[in-house]
C-alpha atoms as a PDB file:
ATOM      1  CA  UNK A   1      60.544 129.204 141.020  1.00  0.00           C
ATOM      2  CA  UNK A   2      59.223 129.017 137.466  1.00  0.00           C
ATOM      3  CA  UNK A   3      61.959 128.697 134.857  1.00  0.00           C
ATOM      4  CA  UNK A   4      60.588 129.350 131.362  1.00  0.00           C
ATOM      5  CA  UNK A   5      63.608 127.841 129.574  1.00  0.00           C
ATOM      6  CA  UNK A   6      63.265 124.519 131.380  1.00  0.00           C
ATOM      7  CA  UNK A   7      59.516 124.541 130.849  1.00  0.00           C
ATOM      8  CA  UNK A   8      59.979 124.996 127.087  1.00  0.00           C
ATOM      9  CA  UNK A   9      62.479 122.120 126.989  1.00  0.00           C
ATOM     10  CA  UNK A  10      60.055 119.925 128.919  1.00  0.00           C
ATOM     11  CA  UNK A  11      57.123 120.940 126.707  1.00  0.00           C
ATOM     12  CA  UNK A  12      59.113 120.223 123.536  1.00  0.00           C
ATOM     13  CA  UNK A  13      60.127 116.783 124.796  1.00  0.00           C
ATOM     14  CA  UNK A  14      56.542 115.986 125.836  1.00  0.00           C
ATOM     15  CA  UNK A  15      55.190 116.971 122.424  1.00  0.00           C
ATOM     16  CA  UNK A  16      57.801 114.877 120.616  1.00  0.00           C
ATOM     17  CA  UNK A  17      56.981 111.851 122.760  1.00  0.00           C
ATOM     18  CA  UNK A  18      53.250 112.358 122.233  1.00  0.00           C
ATOM     19  CA  UNK A  19      53.464 112.455 118.437  1.00  0.00           C
ATOM     20  CA  UNK A  20      56.032 109.659 118.052  1.00  0.00           C
ATOM     21  CA  UNK A  21      54.399 106.417 116.928  1.00  0.00           C
ATOM     22  CA  UNK A  22      54.584 103.567 119.403  1.00  0.00           C
ATOM     23  CA  UNK A  23      54.564  99.816 118.784  1.00  0.00           C
ATOM     24  CA  UNK A  24      50.756  99.679 118.683  1.00  0.00           C
ATOM     25  CA  UNK A  25      50.606 102.339 115.978  1.00  0.00           C
ATOM     26  CA  UNK A  26      53.266 100.584 113.944  1.00  0.00           C
ATOM     27  CA  UNK A  27      51.406  97.267 114.304  1.00  0.00           C
ATOM     28  CA  UNK A  28      48.150  98.800 113.047  1.00  0.00           C
ATOM     29  CA  UNK A  29      49.978 100.498 110.165  1.00  0.00           C
ATOM     30  CA  UNK A  30      51.658  97.243 109.121  1.00  0.00           C
ATOM     31  CA  UNK A  31      48.368  95.336 109.260  1.00  0.00           C
ATOM     32  CA  UNK A  32      46.559  98.028 107.265  1.00  0.00           C
ATOM     33  CA  UNK A  33      49.246  98.173 104.596  1.00  0.00           C
ATOM     34  CA  UNK A  34      49.513  94.393 104.370  1.00  0.00           C
ATOM     35  CA  UNK A  35      45.867  93.403 104.613  1.00  0.00           C
ATOM     36  CA  UNK A  36      43.828  96.434 103.720  1.00  0.00           C
ATOM     37  CA  UNK A  37      41.380  98.711 105.442  1.00  0.00           C
ATOM     38  CA  UNK A  38      39.383  95.984 107.207  1.00  0.00           C
ATOM     39  CA  UNK A  39      42.441  94.401 108.843  1.00  0.00           C
ATOM     40  CA  UNK A  40      43.751  97.809 109.853  1.00  0.00           C
ATOM     41  CA  UNK A  41      40.442  98.726 111.472  1.00  0.00           C
ATOM     42  CA  UNK A  42      40.186  95.394 113.303  1.00  0.00           C
ATOM     43  CA  UNK A  43      43.775  95.754 114.524  1.00  0.00           C
ATOM     44  CA  UNK A  44      43.062  99.274 115.780  1.00  0.00           C
ATOM     45  CA  UNK A  45      39.970  98.066 117.639  1.00  0.00           C
ATOM     46  CA  UNK A  46      41.935  95.164 119.108  1.00  0.00           C
ATOM     47  CA  UNK A  47      44.696  97.382 120.439  1.00  0.00           C
ATOM     48  CA  UNK A  48      42.113  99.834 121.807  1.00  0.00           C
ATOM     49  CA  UNK A  49      40.136  97.179 123.694  1.00  0.00           C
ATOM     50  CA  UNK A  50      43.344  95.528 124.902  1.00  0.00           C
ATOM     51  CA  UNK A  51      44.458  98.864 126.304  1.00  0.00           C
ATOM     52  CA  UNK A  52      41.102  99.357 128.019  1.00  0.00           C
ATOM     53  CA  UNK A  53      41.335  95.927 129.655  1.00  0.00           C
ATOM     54  CA  UNK A  54      44.793  96.860 130.905  1.00  0.00           C
ATOM     55  CA  UNK A  55      43.572 100.185 132.305  1.00  0.00           C
ATOM     56  CA  UNK A  56      40.590  98.600 134.078  1.00  0.00           C
ATOM     57  CA  UNK A  57      42.753  95.815 135.509  1.00  0.00           C
ATOM     58  CA  UNK A  58      45.267  98.341 136.808  1.00  0.00           C
ATOM     59  CA  UNK A  59      42.511 100.477 138.327  1.00  0.00           C
ATOM     60  CA  UNK A  60      40.935  97.458 140.018  1.00  0.00           C
ATOM     61  CA  UNK A  61      44.293  96.338 141.379  1.00  0.00           C
ATOM     62  CA  UNK A  62      45.068  99.734 142.828  1.00  0.00           C
ATOM     63  CA  UNK A  63      41.614  99.893 144.405  1.00  0.00           C
ATOM     64  CA  UNK A  64      42.100  96.493 146.021  1.00  0.00           C
ATOM     65  CA  UNK A  65      45.531  97.466 147.356  1.00  0.00           C
ATOM     66  CA  UNK A  66      44.200 100.718 148.810  1.00  0.00           C
ATOM     67  CA  UNK A  67      41.254  98.918 150.416  1.00  0.00           C
ATOM     68  CA  UNK A  68      43.565  96.336 152.020  1.00  0.00           C
ATOM     69  CA  UNK A  69      45.937  99.011 153.311  1.00  0.00           C
ATOM     70  CA  UNK A  70      43.043 100.942 154.846  1.00  0.00           C
ATOM     71  CA  UNK A  71      41.686  97.781 156.436  1.00  0.00           C
ATOM     72  CA  UNK A  72      45.125  96.953 157.805  1.00  0.00           C
ATOM     73  CA  UNK A  73      45.626 100.420 159.218  1.00  0.00           C
ATOM     74  CA  UNK A  74      42.312 100.331 161.036  1.00  0.00           C
ATOM     75  CA  UNK A  75      42.755  96.772 162.266  1.00  0.00           C
ATOM     76  CA  UNK A  76      45.887  96.658 164.380  1.00  0.00           C
ATOM     77  CA  UNK A  77      48.996  98.376 165.604  1.00  0.00           C
ATOM     78  CA  UNK A  78      51.122  95.683 163.930  1.00  0.00           C
ATOM     79  CA  UNK A  79      49.754  96.662 160.513  1.00  0.00           C
ATOM     80  CA  UNK A  80      50.519 100.303 161.196  1.00  0.00           C
ATOM     81  CA  UNK A  81      54.082  99.433 162.082  1.00  0.00           C
ATOM     82  CA  UNK A  82      54.555  97.310 158.958  1.00  0.00           C
ATOM     83  CA  UNK A  83      53.352 100.114 156.718  1.00  0.00           C
ATOM     84  CA  UNK A  84      55.384 102.743 158.490  1.00  0.00           C
ATOM     85  CA  UNK A  85      58.290 104.264 156.609  1.00  0.00           C
ATOM     86  CA  UNK A  86      60.199 104.852 159.837  1.00  0.00           C
ATOM     87  CA  UNK A  87      63.042 102.531 160.821  1.00  0.00           C
ATOM     88  CA  UNK A  88      62.025  99.905 163.373  1.00  0.00           C
ATOM     89  CA  UNK A  89      64.216 101.266 166.179  1.00  0.00           C
ATOM     90  CA  UNK A  90      62.557 104.690 165.944  1.00  0.00           C
ATOM     91  CA  UNK A  91      59.220 103.472 167.339  1.00  0.00           C
ATOM     92  CA  UNK A  92      60.337 100.623 169.641  1.00  0.00           C
ATOM     93  CA  UNK A  93      60.453 101.573 173.306  1.00  0.00           C
END
């Protein structure tokens, strides 16, 4: 059931976490204050592209894992049993 009080608490916490500066923001701020506009801009671009590399690497890794699981499921009964969440004695005859 929908509880409006809990939803408002959750929404407030999510907004506070979204607007709070993280380590990347503080790094860019420190570089901009210490070295000027150019260093701040280069630091912002560096953290952006570093984040994009991380996102693409994570997406590629998940895709590879899903492809291997699918291949294993289609390949043999042993693979199905390894991936099963059931205890071993529940499917042994």
